[in-house]
Amino acid sequence: TFFSGVFSDGAVLQRAPRSARLFGVVIGATEDTTVTVAVDGTGDSYEVLAEVELTAMKVKAGGLYARWKATLKPHEAGGNFTAAASCAKCGAAAGNTAKLADLQFGDVWFCSGQVYGSTCSLHV
């Protein structure tokens, strides 16, 4: 079980009123694979069951390749949260856990463009 490469320790996730989402993959999944994401932080701990989408692609580890998406509950700005994704009924991937530490919730802005010197800010 892995988090998508766009997530790392110290990441900023979208704060309330919207819900942040975490994504990842399972290598060696089965038809019955489930992924649970546990969020733990200052006075707030909970688990969410992720949506799992299997693909027909077989992997060397045995089993299938699966993508998962977990929608977290809305959080006020701030942080020092951890998120741990664990996989159940994952065949060769059984017992696999991935963890992100020092997560913050804030306003996440994505900017793009072709103007020289353009800037974008991130507010926490």
C-alpha atoms as a PDB file:
ATOM      1  CA  THR A   1       0.000   0.000   0.000  1.00  0.00           C
ATOM      2  CA  PHE A   2       1.392   3.381  -1.015  1.00  0.00           C
ATOM      3  CA  PHE A   3       0.298   7.012  -0.992  1.00  0.00           C
ATOM      4  CA  SER A   4       0.400   8.757  -4.356  1.00  0.00           C
ATOM      5  CA  GLY A   5       3.739  10.443  -5.085  1.00  0.00           C
ATOM      6  CA  VAL A   6       2.144  13.903  -4.764  1.00  0.00           C
ATOM      7  CA  PHE A   7       1.843  13.381  -0.988  1.00  0.00           C
ATOM      8  CA  SER A   8       4.758  13.454   1.436  1.00  0.00           C
ATOM      9  CA  ASP A   9       5.532  14.253   5.059  1.00  0.00           C
ATOM     10  CA  GLY A  10       4.832  17.933   5.734  1.00  0.00           C
ATOM     11  CA  ALA A  11       2.104  18.198   3.063  1.00  0.00           C
ATOM     12  CA  VAL A  12      -0.696  20.774   3.275  1.00  0.00           C
ATOM     13  CA  LEU A  13      -4.211  19.429   2.678  1.00  0.00           C
ATOM     14  CA  GLN A  14      -7.332  21.476   1.927  1.00  0.00           C
ATOM     15  CA  ARG A  15      -9.048  22.773   5.077  1.00  0.00           C
ATOM     16  CA  ALA A  16     -12.763  23.114   5.866  1.00  0.00           C
ATOM     17  CA  PRO A  17     -15.368  23.642   4.611  1.00  0.00           C
ATOM     18  CA  ARG A  18     -14.104  21.312   1.879  1.00  0.00           C
ATOM     19  CA  SER A  19     -12.904  17.771   2.468  1.00  0.00           C
ATOM     20  CA  ALA A  20      -9.346  16.827   1.615  1.00  0.00           C
ATOM     21  CA  ARG A  21      -8.705  13.604  -0.292  1.00  0.00           C
ATOM     22  CA  LEU A  22      -5.754  11.247  -0.136  1.00  0.00           C
ATOM     23  CA  PHE A  23      -4.922   8.885  -2.990  1.00  0.00           C
ATOM     24  CA  GLY A  24      -2.746   5.847  -3.374  1.00  0.00           C
ATOM     25  CA  VAL A  25      -2.235   2.386  -4.837  1.00  0.00           C
ATOM     26  CA  VAL A  26      -2.082  -1.226  -3.698  1.00  0.00           C
ATOM     27  CA  ILE A  27       0.271  -3.604  -5.475  1.00  0.00           C
ATOM     28  CA  GLY A  28      -0.906  -7.210  -5.140  1.00  0.00           C
ATOM     29  CA  ALA A  29      -4.571  -6.511  -4.402  1.00  0.00           C
ATOM     30  CA  THR A  30      -7.422  -9.028  -4.534  1.00  0.00           C
ATOM     31  CA  GLU A  31     -11.125  -8.717  -5.370  1.00  0.00           C
ATOM     32  CA  ASP A  32     -11.838  -8.235  -1.629  1.00  0.00           C
ATOM     33  CA  THR A  33      -9.171  -5.581  -0.944  1.00  0.00           C
ATOM     34  CA  THR A  34     -10.107  -2.773   1.425  1.00  0.00           C
ATOM     35  CA  VAL A  35      -8.030   0.255   2.406  1.00  0.00           C
ATOM     36  CA  THR A  36      -8.575   2.162   5.637  1.00  0.00           C
ATOM     37  CA  VAL A  37      -6.998   5.559   6.327  1.00  0.00           C
ATOM     38  CA  ALA A  38      -6.507   6.496   9.981  1.00  0.00           C
ATOM     39  CA  VAL A  39      -6.047  10.197  10.733  1.00  0.00           C
ATOM     40  CA  ASP A  40      -4.599  11.237  14.080  1.00  0.00           C
ATOM     41  CA  GLY A  41      -3.917  14.737  15.376  1.00  0.00           C
ATOM     42  CA  THR A  42      -4.449  17.188  18.146  1.00  0.00           C
ATOM     43  CA  GLY A  43      -7.575  15.893  19.826  1.00  0.00           C
ATOM     44  CA  ASP A  44      -9.015  14.430  16.633  1.00  0.00           C
ATOM     45  CA  SER A  45      -8.621  10.798  15.566  1.00  0.00           C
ATOM     46  CA  TYR A  46     -10.792   8.846  13.138  1.00  0.00           C
ATOM     47  CA  GLU A  47     -10.744   6.273  10.325  1.00  0.00           C
ATOM     48  CA  VAL A  48     -12.273   6.387   6.847  1.00  0.00           C
ATOM     49  CA  LEU A  49     -12.792   3.556   4.395  1.00  0.00           C
ATOM     50  CA  ALA A  50     -11.297   4.385   1.003  1.00  0.00           C
ATOM     51  CA  GLU A  51     -12.928   3.726  -2.354  1.00  0.00           C
ATOM     52  CA  VAL A  52     -10.900   0.998  -4.098  1.00  0.00           C
ATOM     53  CA  GLU A  53     -10.797   0.567  -7.882  1.00  0.00           C
ATOM     54  CA  LEU A  54      -9.191  -2.621  -9.230  1.00  0.00           C
ATOM     55  CA  THR A  55      -7.602  -2.813 -12.662  1.00  0.00           C
ATOM     56  CA  ALA A  56      -7.206  -5.904 -14.791  1.00  0.00           C
ATOM     57  CA  MET A  57      -3.417  -5.517 -14.730  1.00  0.00           C
ATOM     58  CA  LYS A  58      -1.726  -8.404 -12.924  1.00  0.00           C
ATOM     59  CA  VAL A  59       1.458  -7.595 -11.020  1.00  0.00           C
ATOM     60  CA  LYS A  60       4.568  -9.664 -10.341  1.00  0.00           C
ATOM     61  CA  ALA A  61       3.802  -9.759  -6.612  1.00  0.00           C
ATOM     62  CA  GLY A  62       0.664 -11.726  -7.466  1.00  0.00           C
ATOM     63  CA  GLY A  63      -2.783 -10.259  -7.436  1.00  0.00           C
ATOM     64  CA  LEU A  64      -4.010  -7.069  -9.044  1.00  0.00           C
ATOM     65  CA  TYR A  65      -3.162  -3.393  -9.120  1.00  0.00           C
ATOM     66  CA  ALA A  66      -5.675  -1.170  -7.294  1.00  0.00           C
ATOM     67  CA  ARG A  67      -6.090   2.581  -6.893  1.00  0.00           C
ATOM     68  CA  TRP A  68      -7.721   3.988  -3.766  1.00  0.00           C
ATOM     69  CA  LYS A  69      -9.202   7.353  -2.740  1.00  0.00           C
ATOM     70  CA  ALA A  70     -10.073   8.403   0.825  1.00  0.00           C
ATOM     71  CA  THR A  71     -12.170  11.479   1.585  1.00  0.00           C
ATOM     72  CA  LEU A  72     -11.233  12.969   4.950  1.00  0.00           C
ATOM     73  CA  LYS A  73     -13.614  14.907   7.139  1.00  0.00           C
ATOM     74  CA  PRO A  74     -13.278  18.719   7.030  1.00  0.00           C
ATOM     75  CA  HIS A  75     -10.614  20.227   9.331  1.00  0.00           C
ATOM     76  CA  GLU A  76      -9.977  23.759  10.480  1.00  0.00           C
ATOM     77  CA  ALA A  77      -6.610  25.316   9.552  1.00  0.00           C
ATOM     78  CA  GLY A  78      -3.680  24.006  11.527  1.00  0.00           C
ATOM     79  CA  GLY A  79      -2.103  20.742  12.044  1.00  0.00           C
ATOM     80  CA  ASN A  80       0.490  18.280  12.991  1.00  0.00           C
ATOM     81  CA  PHE A  81      -1.630  15.336  11.875  1.00  0.00           C
ATOM     82  CA  THR A  82      -0.576  11.882  10.702  1.00  0.00           C
ATOM     83  CA  ALA A  83      -2.363   9.688   8.183  1.00  0.00           C
ATOM     84  CA  ALA A  84      -1.793   5.949   7.892  1.00  0.00           C
ATOM     85  CA  ALA A  85      -3.228   3.830   5.076  1.00  0.00           C
ATOM     86  CA  SER A  86      -3.564   0.124   5.758  1.00  0.00           C
ATOM     87  CA  CYS A  87      -4.708  -2.633   3.468  1.00  0.00           C
ATOM     88  CA  ALA A  88      -6.833  -5.654   4.374  1.00  0.00           C
ATOM     89  CA  LYS A  89      -7.451  -8.725   2.203  1.00  0.00           C
ATOM     90  CA  CYS A  90      -4.594  -7.682  -0.031  1.00  0.00           C
ATOM     91  CA  GLY A  91      -3.121 -11.045  -0.941  1.00  0.00           C
ATOM     92  CA  ALA A  92       0.627 -10.608  -1.358  1.00  0.00           C
ATOM     93  CA  ALA A  93       0.327  -7.056  -0.022  1.00  0.00           C
ATOM     94  CA  ALA A  94      -1.364  -8.094   3.264  1.00  0.00           C
ATOM     95  CA  GLY A  95      -0.343  -6.090   6.295  1.00  0.00           C
ATOM     96  CA  ASN A  96       1.068  -3.276   4.213  1.00  0.00           C
ATOM     97  CA  THR A  97       0.863   0.182   5.787  1.00  0.00           C
ATOM     98  CA  ALA A  98       1.987   3.583   4.523  1.00  0.00           C
ATOM     99  CA  LYS A  99       2.257   6.658   6.751  1.00  0.00           C
ATOM    100  CA  LEU A 100       2.417  10.438   6.289  1.00  0.00           C
ATOM    101  CA  ALA A 101       3.552  12.652   9.179  1.00  0.00           C
ATOM    102  CA  ASP A 102       3.379  16.368  10.029  1.00  0.00           C
ATOM    103  CA  LEU A 103       0.340  17.059   7.840  1.00  0.00           C
ATOM    104  CA  GLN A 104      -1.240  20.521   7.958  1.00  0.00           C
ATOM    105  CA  PHE A 105      -4.664  21.728   6.847  1.00  0.00           C
ATOM    106  CA  GLY A 106      -4.935  25.069   5.089  1.00  0.00           C
ATOM    107  CA  ASP A 107      -5.904  26.696   1.807  1.00  0.00           C
ATOM    108  CA  VAL A 108      -4.270  24.928  -1.101  1.00  0.00           C
ATOM    109  CA  TRP A 109      -3.819  26.897  -4.322  1.00  0.00           C
ATOM    110  CA  PHE A 110      -2.530  25.548  -7.612  1.00  0.00           C
ATOM    111  CA  CYS A 111      -1.227  28.083 -10.069  1.00  0.00           C
ATOM    112  CA  SER A 112       0.058  27.787 -13.575  1.00  0.00           C
ATOM    113  CA  GLY A 113       0.726  30.075 -16.441  1.00  0.00           C
ATOM    114  CA  GLN A 114       3.360  31.415 -18.720  1.00  0.00           C
ATOM    115  CA  VAL A 115       3.862  34.901 -17.363  1.00  0.00           C
ATOM    116  CA  TYR A 116       7.463  35.480 -16.335  1.00  0.00           C
ATOM    117  CA  GLY A 117       7.729  36.192 -12.651  1.00  0.00           C
ATOM    118  CA  SER A 118       4.184  35.075 -11.815  1.00  0.00           C
ATOM    119  CA  THR A 119       3.789  33.899  -8.246  1.00  0.00           C
ATOM    120  CA  CYS A 120       1.370  31.851  -6.262  1.00  0.00           C
ATOM    121  CA  SER A 121       1.008  31.653  -2.518  1.00  0.00           C
ATOM    122  CA  LEU A 122      -0.030  28.966  -0.107  1.00  0.00           C
ATOM    123  CA  HIS A 123      -1.918  30.011   3.020  1.00  0.00           C
ATOM    124  CA  VAL A 124      -2.006  27.881   6.141  1.00  0.00           C
END
